[in-house]
Amino acid sequence: MNNYSASATATQVAIIGGGPAGCCCAIRLIQQGIDDIVIIESSDYQQFRIGESIPPQTKQLFHQLEIWSAFVKQQHQPCYGSRSWWGDNRNGFNDSLLSPYGHGWHLNRQKFNRFLAEQAQSAGVTLLTQCQFKTGKLINDKHYHLTLDRQGAEHQLNAKFVVDASGARASFAQTQGSKKQSNHALVSLGRRFIITDKHYPLSQQTHLEAVENGWWYAARLPNDRVLISLTTDPQTAKTLKLHATNNWLDILVNSPNTKALLQGVTPEDPQPKRYPASSFCLNPATGKNWLAIGDAACTFDPITSGGIIKAMADGVTCADIIAGIFKTSGHDTHHGLMQYQQMLIQRYQHYLAMRAHYYQQEKRFLNSPFWQKMQAMSSHKIHSEMELQANLT
């Protein structure tokens, strides 16, 4: 992937973060006629990213962004839904056989993120890799002056509009005074295994199983790999010392159904890797000529499996809002950003209700500290001040 030499000092739109949200926003902006865009990405797209599935309806977004054919050529593995042991000991299925969009996909996240970045570059977007956002200041109420660090060298960039797509860090938004309104933190501890048995029991469906101290997730990865991950709360992980391989394995071998996935594999990761899985909504997620999208705007419990499609949809939606602002010379700024802020609040409220419903279904482990915490959660209203703060003036 080619890197840009950071010679430009001004751009129409600076997007901080080159993941699915940022890249889809950039591609959509190009479609809308905004052709001066810079993506600031901290990685070089070489690091392993924990896998995730995307649902069949993601196909609509690929078509809208005109990258469907290119995505198909990436040959990600199909996902035909999920099988779960949740709420009772019976095996439940949620398959995609009746979906009008066909099947979903198990993603190789590293490959998928790199693919979207390359599609953005091909469309004409400037991509700065291994580049860190440091500071952002509004100058004369007209543009943001951004300070960047690229492999130890400082660079300056002026942008008329800034999109924070930096993931859960929300790095730009927090420099503008935004706060994360959190609703319970979780952590996932996962290991990759190499499949050595051609009759390996895990199909092309996502695997979920609720157990006493959390819930197990498993999915096949490319190149005969499988990811097995336990999601729990930080206190349970600390109490049971789940960072230690033997303790993590003890929980796994005592799970009624997930333990079968240890047959016919050899470890690739020597010990569990820890991935934060917090839920929060940014307050506010918009401001004077900036907005946050994807996980920078809000993050969901991984039980919902909606992170990537949410990020992609945010990118498309916000690109249309930004294009509208430029086309009206900024006169429609307040209306468009307020609509987006309200949409985020409504979506997060819906998510809280859905999450509460999921965890209330499990009644088998009522003496477990983890399930006591999760069942005590409710789909409470977001604080009213969140609906009032727009920070757009």
Protein backbone atom coordinates (compact mmCIF):
# COMPACT_ATOMS: atom_id res chain seq x y z
CA MET A 1 0.00 0.00 0.00
CA ASN A 2 1.48 3.33 -1.02
CA ASN A 3 2.05 5.97 1.65
CA TYR A 4 1.60 9.69 1.12
CA SER A 5 4.47 12.06 1.83
CA ALA A 6 2.32 14.49 3.83
CA SER A 7 3.16 17.48 1.62
CA ALA A 8 -0.40 18.84 1.60
CA THR A 9 -1.25 21.50 4.16
CA ALA A 10 -4.96 21.92 3.49
CA THR A 11 -7.91 19.69 2.66
CA GLN A 12 -11.68 19.85 2.60
CA VAL A 13 -12.25 16.82 4.85
CA ALA A 14 -9.83 15.15 7.25
CA ILE A 15 -10.90 11.70 8.43
CA ILE A 16 -9.10 10.49 11.54
CA GLY A 17 -9.12 6.71 11.31
CA GLY A 18 -8.93 4.44 8.28
CA GLY A 19 -11.14 1.57 9.42
CA PRO A 20 -14.51 0.62 7.90
CA ALA A 21 -16.25 3.80 9.10
CA GLY A 22 -13.59 6.20 7.85
CA CYS A 23 -12.98 4.48 4.52
CA CYS A 24 -16.68 4.12 3.69
CA CYS A 25 -17.20 7.79 4.56
CA ALA A 26 -14.35 8.75 2.23
CA ILE A 27 -15.61 6.61 -0.66
CA ARG A 28 -19.11 8.03 -0.31
CA LEU A 29 -17.77 11.59 -0.19
CA ILE A 30 -16.00 11.00 -3.50
CA GLN A 31 -19.30 9.76 -4.95
CA GLN A 32 -20.90 13.00 -3.72
CA GLY A 33 -18.33 15.17 -5.47
CA ILE A 34 -16.09 15.99 -2.49
CA ASP A 35 -12.71 15.07 -3.93
CA ASP A 36 -10.18 16.61 -1.51
CA ILE A 37 -10.06 14.13 1.38
CA VAL A 38 -7.27 12.93 3.68
CA ILE A 39 -7.50 9.80 5.84
CA ILE A 40 -5.17 9.75 8.86
CA GLU A 41 -4.56 6.13 9.90
CA SER A 42 -2.33 5.15 12.81
CA SER A 43 -1.52 1.62 11.57
CA ASP A 44 0.01 0.20 8.42
CA TYR A 45 -2.81 -2.38 8.02
CA GLN A 46 -0.48 -5.24 8.87
CA GLN A 47 -1.61 -5.99 12.43
CA PHE A 48 -3.97 -8.81 13.32
CA ARG A 49 -7.49 -7.63 14.07
CA ILE A 50 -10.01 -9.76 15.92
CA GLY A 51 -12.46 -11.24 13.43
CA GLU A 52 -16.11 -10.40 13.13
CA SER A 53 -19.04 -11.40 11.00
CA ILE A 54 -21.14 -9.07 8.88
CA PRO A 55 -24.80 -9.81 8.09
CA PRO A 56 -26.27 -10.41 4.63
CA GLN A 57 -27.74 -6.89 4.37
CA THR A 58 -24.20 -5.46 4.24
CA LYS A 59 -24.45 -6.30 0.55
CA GLN A 60 -26.63 -3.19 0.13
CA LEU A 61 -23.82 -0.97 1.40
CA PHE A 62 -21.27 -2.61 -0.90
CA HIS A 63 -23.55 -1.90 -3.86
CA GLN A 64 -24.19 1.67 -2.72
CA LEU A 65 -20.44 2.27 -2.51
CA GLU A 66 -19.94 0.51 -5.87
CA ILE A 67 -17.41 -1.95 -4.43
CA TRP A 68 -19.51 -5.14 -4.41
CA SER A 69 -17.64 -6.88 -7.23
CA ALA A 70 -14.29 -6.01 -5.68
CA PHE A 71 -15.44 -7.31 -2.28
CA VAL A 72 -16.55 -10.64 -3.76
CA LYS A 73 -13.07 -11.11 -5.21
CA GLN A 74 -11.65 -10.95 -1.67
CA GLN A 75 -13.20 -14.37 -1.02
CA HIS A 76 -14.11 -13.97 2.63
CA GLN A 77 -15.71 -17.05 4.12
CA PRO A 78 -19.52 -17.23 4.10
CA CYS A 79 -21.44 -17.02 7.37
CA TYR A 80 -24.78 -18.80 7.37
CA GLY A 81 -26.00 -17.38 10.66
CA SER A 82 -25.41 -18.55 14.20
CA ARG A 83 -26.00 -21.48 16.51
CA SER A 84 -26.30 -20.83 20.21
CA TRP A 85 -26.88 -22.30 23.63
CA TRP A 86 -28.45 -19.34 25.38
CA GLY A 87 -31.24 -19.38 27.95
CA ASP A 88 -31.47 -23.18 28.08
CA ASN A 89 -29.53 -26.30 27.11
CA ARG A 90 -31.11 -26.62 23.69
CA ASN A 91 -29.25 -25.68 20.54
CA GLY A 92 -30.86 -22.67 18.86
CA PHE A 93 -30.33 -21.55 15.27
CA ASN A 94 -30.54 -18.18 13.56
CA ASP A 95 -29.71 -18.86 9.93
CA SER A 96 -29.69 -16.77 6.77
CA LEU A 97 -31.39 -19.28 4.49
CA LEU A 98 -34.46 -17.09 4.11
CA SER A 99 -32.60 -13.78 3.81
CA PRO A 100 -33.27 -12.01 0.49
CA TYR A 101 -29.62 -10.91 0.53
CA GLY A 102 -28.15 -14.41 0.83
CA HIS A 103 -25.51 -15.23 3.42
CA GLY A 104 -23.25 -13.03 5.53
CA TRP A 105 -19.47 -13.29 5.85
CA HIS A 106 -16.81 -14.21 8.39
CA LEU A 107 -14.22 -11.51 7.83
CA ASN A 108 -10.47 -11.56 7.87
CA ARG A 109 -10.41 -8.12 9.50
CA GLN A 110 -6.86 -7.26 8.55
CA LYS A 111 -7.58 -8.08 4.91
CA PHE A 112 -10.98 -6.36 4.96
CA ASN A 113 -9.68 -3.11 6.44
CA ARG A 114 -6.82 -3.04 3.93
CA PHE A 115 -9.30 -3.69 1.10
CA LEU A 116 -11.48 -0.71 2.08
CA ALA A 117 -8.42 1.53 2.38
CA GLU A 118 -7.26 0.51 -1.09
CA GLN A 119 -10.73 1.17 -2.50
CA ALA A 120 -10.64 4.66 -0.98
CA GLN A 121 -7.19 5.29 -2.44
CA SER A 122 -8.32 4.08 -5.85
CA ALA A 123 -11.21 6.54 -5.69
CA GLY A 124 -8.76 9.41 -5.16
CA VAL A 125 -8.51 9.71 -1.38
CA THR A 126 -5.14 10.60 0.17
CA LEU A 127 -4.14 8.02 2.79
CA LEU A 128 -1.59 8.75 5.51
CA THR A 129 -0.59 5.50 7.22
CA GLN A 130 1.42 5.19 10.44
CA CYS A 131 0.23 8.69 11.24
CA GLN A 132 -1.05 9.77 14.66
CA PHE A 133 -3.47 12.60 15.36
CA LYS A 134 -2.17 14.78 18.19
CA THR A 135 -4.13 18.04 18.46
CA GLY A 136 -6.95 19.85 16.71
CA LYS A 137 -7.93 23.50 17.08
CA LEU A 138 -10.62 25.54 15.33
CA ILE A 139 -9.06 28.60 13.68
CA ASN A 140 -11.10 31.75 12.97
CA ASP A 141 -14.29 29.67 13.01
CA LYS A 142 -13.35 28.45 9.52
CA HIS A 143 -11.05 25.45 9.63
CA TYR A 144 -9.33 23.04 12.00
CA HIS A 145 -5.58 23.10 12.41
CA LEU A 146 -4.47 19.51 13.02
CA THR A 147 -1.09 18.46 14.36
CA LEU A 148 0.00 15.00 13.26
CA ASP A 149 2.92 12.74 14.13
CA ARG A 150 4.16 10.49 11.38
CA GLN A 151 6.89 8.16 12.56
CA GLY A 152 8.40 10.86 14.75
CA ALA A 153 8.02 13.73 12.28
CA GLU A 154 5.47 16.45 13.00
CA HIS A 155 3.08 17.55 10.23
CA GLN A 156 0.38 20.20 10.05
CA LEU A 157 -2.91 19.89 8.22
CA ASN A 158 -5.78 22.35 7.86
CA ALA A 159 -9.26 20.89 7.28
CA LYS A 160 -12.61 22.55 6.70
CA PHE A 161 -14.38 19.54 8.22
CA VAL A 162 -13.15 16.76 10.50
CA VAL A 163 -14.56 13.25 10.84
CA ASP A 164 -13.55 11.34 13.96
CA ALA A 165 -13.43 7.68 12.91
CA SER A 166 -10.68 6.79 15.38
CA GLY A 167 -12.60 3.96 17.02
CA ALA A 168 -13.34 3.76 20.73
CA ARG A 169 -10.51 6.22 21.45
CA ALA A 170 -12.63 9.04 19.97
CA SER A 171 -9.32 10.90 19.89
CA PHE A 172 -10.44 14.08 18.11
CA ALA A 173 -13.85 14.37 19.80
CA GLN A 174 -12.32 14.17 23.25
CA THR A 175 -10.00 17.09 22.43
CA GLN A 176 -13.17 19.06 21.64
CA GLY A 177 -14.64 18.37 25.08
CA SER A 178 -16.83 15.34 24.33
CA LYS A 179 -17.23 12.69 27.03
CA LYS A 180 -18.03 8.99 26.86
CA GLN A 181 -21.27 8.04 28.57
CA SER A 182 -20.57 4.43 29.49
CA ASN A 183 -23.00 1.61 30.13
CA HIS A 184 -21.03 -1.30 31.58
CA ALA A 185 -17.61 -2.50 30.47
CA LEU A 186 -16.87 -5.99 29.21
CA VAL A 187 -13.70 -7.68 28.05
CA SER A 188 -13.14 -10.48 25.53
CA LEU A 189 -10.25 -12.90 25.93
CA GLY A 190 -9.59 -14.82 22.74
CA ARG A 191 -7.13 -17.27 21.22
CA ARG A 192 -6.60 -18.42 17.66
CA PHE A 193 -6.14 -22.09 16.89
CA ILE A 194 -4.94 -23.90 13.76
CA ILE A 195 -7.41 -26.49 12.49
CA THR A 196 -5.68 -29.82 11.86
CA ASP A 197 -8.75 -32.05 11.37
CA LYS A 198 -10.66 -31.78 8.09
CA HIS A 199 -13.77 -32.93 9.99
CA TYR A 200 -13.52 -30.09 12.50
CA PRO A 201 -16.90 -29.69 14.27
CA LEU A 202 -17.37 -25.92 13.74
CA SER A 203 -19.38 -25.14 10.59
CA GLN A 204 -19.66 -21.81 8.77
CA GLN A 205 -21.98 -20.54 11.49
CA THR A 206 -21.05 -18.36 14.43
CA HIS A 207 -20.99 -20.29 17.71
CA LEU A 208 -22.34 -18.80 20.99
CA GLU A 209 -22.65 -20.43 24.40
CA ALA A 210 -23.59 -18.86 27.72
CA VAL A 211 -21.67 -20.26 30.70
CA GLU A 212 -21.42 -19.41 34.38
CA ASN A 213 -18.73 -16.73 34.07
CA GLY A 214 -19.59 -15.19 30.70
CA TRP A 215 -20.23 -16.41 27.19
CA TRP A 216 -18.17 -18.12 24.52
CA TYR A 217 -17.90 -17.01 20.90
CA ALA A 218 -16.24 -18.96 18.11
CA ALA A 219 -15.91 -18.44 14.38
CA ARG A 220 -13.80 -19.89 11.60
CA LEU A 221 -11.11 -17.67 10.11
CA PRO A 222 -9.29 -17.94 6.77
CA ASN A 223 -6.35 -20.30 6.32
CA ASP A 224 -7.83 -23.03 8.54
CA ARG A 225 -7.92 -20.95 11.70
CA VAL A 226 -10.58 -20.62 14.37
CA LEU A 227 -11.05 -17.89 16.97
CA ILE A 228 -12.41 -18.92 20.38
CA SER A 229 -13.17 -16.07 22.77
CA LEU A 230 -14.70 -15.66 26.23
CA THR A 231 -16.54 -12.42 26.98
CA THR A 232 -16.94 -11.48 30.63
CA ASP A 233 -16.66 -8.44 32.89
CA PRO A 234 -13.26 -7.09 34.01
CA GLN A 235 -13.76 -8.06 37.65
CA THR A 236 -14.55 -11.68 36.79
CA ALA A 237 -11.54 -11.79 34.46
CA LYS A 238 -9.35 -10.43 37.26
CA THR A 239 -10.77 -12.69 39.98
CA LEU A 240 -10.38 -15.85 37.89
CA LYS A 241 -7.03 -14.68 36.42
CA LEU A 242 -8.26 -15.41 32.91
CA HIS A 243 -5.18 -13.83 31.34
CA ALA A 244 -3.40 -17.05 32.30
CA THR A 245 -3.73 -19.75 29.66
CA ASN A 246 -4.48 -22.60 32.07
CA ASN A 247 -7.25 -20.69 33.83
CA TRP A 248 -8.81 -19.71 30.50
CA LEU A 249 -8.63 -23.35 29.38
CA ASP A 250 -10.23 -24.55 32.62
CA ILE A 251 -13.32 -22.47 31.84
CA LEU A 252 -13.33 -23.74 28.25
CA VAL A 253 -13.01 -27.46 29.02
CA ASN A 254 -15.90 -27.17 31.48
CA SER A 255 -18.24 -25.60 28.93
CA PRO A 256 -20.82 -28.18 27.79
CA ASN A 257 -20.57 -27.42 24.06
CA THR A 258 -17.67 -25.09 23.27
CA LYS A 259 -15.15 -27.57 24.66
CA ALA A 260 -15.71 -29.73 21.56
CA LEU A 261 -13.97 -27.02 19.52
CA LEU A 262 -10.66 -27.95 21.14
CA GLN A 263 -10.70 -31.23 19.22
CA GLY A 264 -8.63 -31.23 16.04
CA VAL A 265 -6.77 -27.97 16.66
CA THR A 266 -3.37 -26.77 17.85
CA PRO A 267 -2.82 -23.35 19.48
CA GLU A 268 -1.56 -20.45 17.40
CA ASP A 269 -1.68 -17.88 20.22
CA PRO A 270 0.21 -19.07 23.32
CA GLN A 271 -2.12 -17.20 25.67
CA PRO A 272 -5.42 -15.32 25.50
CA LYS A 273 -5.35 -11.86 23.98
CA ARG A 274 -7.46 -9.24 25.72
CA TYR A 275 -9.86 -7.06 23.72
CA PRO A 276 -11.93 -4.30 25.37
CA ALA A 277 -15.66 -4.57 24.73
CA SER A 278 -17.14 -1.54 26.43
CA SER A 279 -20.44 0.12 25.62
CA PHE A 280 -20.60 3.91 25.43
CA CYS A 281 -22.23 6.76 23.57
CA LEU A 282 -20.25 9.93 22.92
CA ASN A 283 -21.72 13.11 24.36
CA PRO A 284 -21.89 15.05 22.10
CA ALA A 285 -20.93 13.27 18.89
CA THR A 286 -21.07 16.42 16.75
CA GLY A 287 -19.71 19.93 16.93
CA LYS A 288 -18.74 22.91 14.83
CA ASN A 289 -17.80 21.33 11.48
CA TRP A 290 -16.99 17.92 12.94
CA LEU A 291 -18.73 14.67 13.79
CA ALA A 292 -17.85 11.22 15.10
CA ILE A 293 -18.79 7.97 13.39
CA GLY A 294 -18.56 4.23 14.01
CA ASP A 295 -17.03 3.20 17.32
CA ALA A 296 -15.91 6.77 17.97
CA ALA A 297 -19.59 7.74 18.25
CA CYS A 298 -20.80 4.68 20.16
CA THR A 299 -19.75 1.13 20.87
CA PHE A 300 -21.95 -1.91 21.41
CA ASP A 301 -21.70 -5.14 23.38
CA PRO A 302 -20.22 -7.79 21.03
CA ILE A 303 -23.31 -9.97 21.62
CA THR A 304 -25.08 -7.72 19.09
CA SER A 305 -22.50 -8.49 16.33
CA GLY A 306 -23.28 -5.15 14.72
CA GLY A 307 -20.06 -3.18 14.96
CA ILE A 308 -18.85 -3.29 11.36
CA ILE A 309 -22.13 -2.74 9.56
CA LYS A 310 -22.87 0.09 12.00
CA ALA A 311 -19.53 1.68 11.18
CA MET A 312 -20.04 1.34 7.42
CA ALA A 313 -23.58 2.72 7.57
CA ASP A 314 -22.41 5.66 9.69
CA GLY A 315 -19.77 6.42 7.10
CA VAL A 316 -22.32 6.57 4.29
CA THR A 317 -24.88 8.56 6.29
CA CYS A 318 -22.37 11.12 7.49
CA ALA A 319 -20.78 11.54 4.07
CA ASP A 320 -24.20 12.58 2.77
CA ILE A 321 -24.57 15.06 5.65
CA ILE A 322 -21.12 16.53 5.01
CA ALA A 323 -21.75 16.78 1.27
CA GLY A 324 -24.97 18.64 2.02
CA ILE A 325 -23.09 21.09 4.23
CA PHE A 326 -20.53 21.82 1.51
CA LYS A 327 -23.20 22.13 -1.19
CA THR A 328 -25.06 24.75 0.87
CA SER A 329 -21.82 26.58 1.74
CA GLY A 330 -22.29 25.67 5.38
CA HIS A 331 -25.77 27.16 5.75
CA ASP A 332 -27.35 23.79 6.63
CA THR A 333 -24.70 22.76 9.15
CA HIS A 334 -26.83 22.90 12.30
CA HIS A 335 -29.81 20.98 10.91
CA GLY A 336 -27.81 18.10 9.45
CA LEU A 337 -25.62 17.59 12.51
CA MET A 338 -28.57 17.82 14.90
CA GLN A 339 -30.40 15.15 12.93
CA TYR A 340 -27.37 12.90 13.15
CA GLN A 341 -27.03 13.49 16.91
CA GLN A 342 -30.67 12.54 17.44
CA MET A 343 -30.27 9.43 15.28
CA LEU A 344 -27.33 8.31 17.44
CA ILE A 345 -29.33 8.79 20.64
CA GLN A 346 -32.28 6.81 19.29
CA ARG A 347 -30.02 4.02 18.04
CA TYR A 348 -28.23 3.76 21.36
CA GLN A 349 -31.52 3.62 23.24
CA HIS A 350 -32.64 0.79 20.96
CA TYR A 351 -29.33 -0.98 21.54
CA LEU A 352 -29.68 -0.75 25.33
CA ALA A 353 -33.14 -2.30 25.14
CA MET A 354 -31.92 -5.06 22.84
CA ARG A 355 -28.91 -5.82 25.06
CA ALA A 356 -31.09 -5.98 28.17
CA HIS A 357 -33.42 -8.40 26.36
CA TYR A 358 -30.54 -10.70 25.41
CA TYR A 359 -29.14 -10.95 28.91
CA GLN A 360 -32.54 -11.28 30.59
CA GLN A 361 -33.12 -14.45 28.57
CA GLU A 362 -30.42 -16.34 30.48
CA LYS A 363 -31.73 -17.60 33.86
CA ARG A 364 -29.47 -20.61 34.51
CA PHE A 365 -26.65 -18.82 36.34
CA LEU A 366 -28.39 -16.47 38.75
CA ASN A 367 -25.74 -17.00 41.46
CA SER A 368 -22.94 -15.95 39.13
CA PRO A 369 -21.52 -12.43 39.76
CA PHE A 370 -21.23 -11.92 35.99
CA TRP A 371 -24.88 -12.72 35.26
CA GLN A 372 -26.06 -10.80 38.31
CA LYS A 373 -24.36 -7.70 36.93
CA MET A 374 -25.68 -8.22 33.42
CA GLN A 375 -29.24 -8.89 34.58
CA ALA A 376 -29.18 -5.80 36.78
CA MET A 377 -28.72 -3.66 33.70
CA SER A 378 -31.73 -2.00 32.20
CA SER A 379 -32.41 -0.09 29.02
CA HIS A 380 -32.44 3.14 31.00
CA LYS A 381 -32.75 6.46 29.27
CA ILE A 382 -29.63 8.31 28.29
CA HIS A 383 -29.23 11.39 30.46
CA SER A 384 -31.41 14.19 29.21
CA GLU A 385 -28.49 16.58 28.90
CA MET A 386 -27.15 14.38 26.12
CA GLU A 387 -30.15 15.29 24.00
CA LEU A 388 -29.59 18.97 24.70
CA GLN A 389 -25.88 19.27 24.03
CA ALA A 390 -25.25 19.86 20.37
CA ASN A 391 -22.11 22.02 20.64
CA LEU A 392 -22.72 23.32 17.14
CA THR A 393 -22.31 27.03 17.61
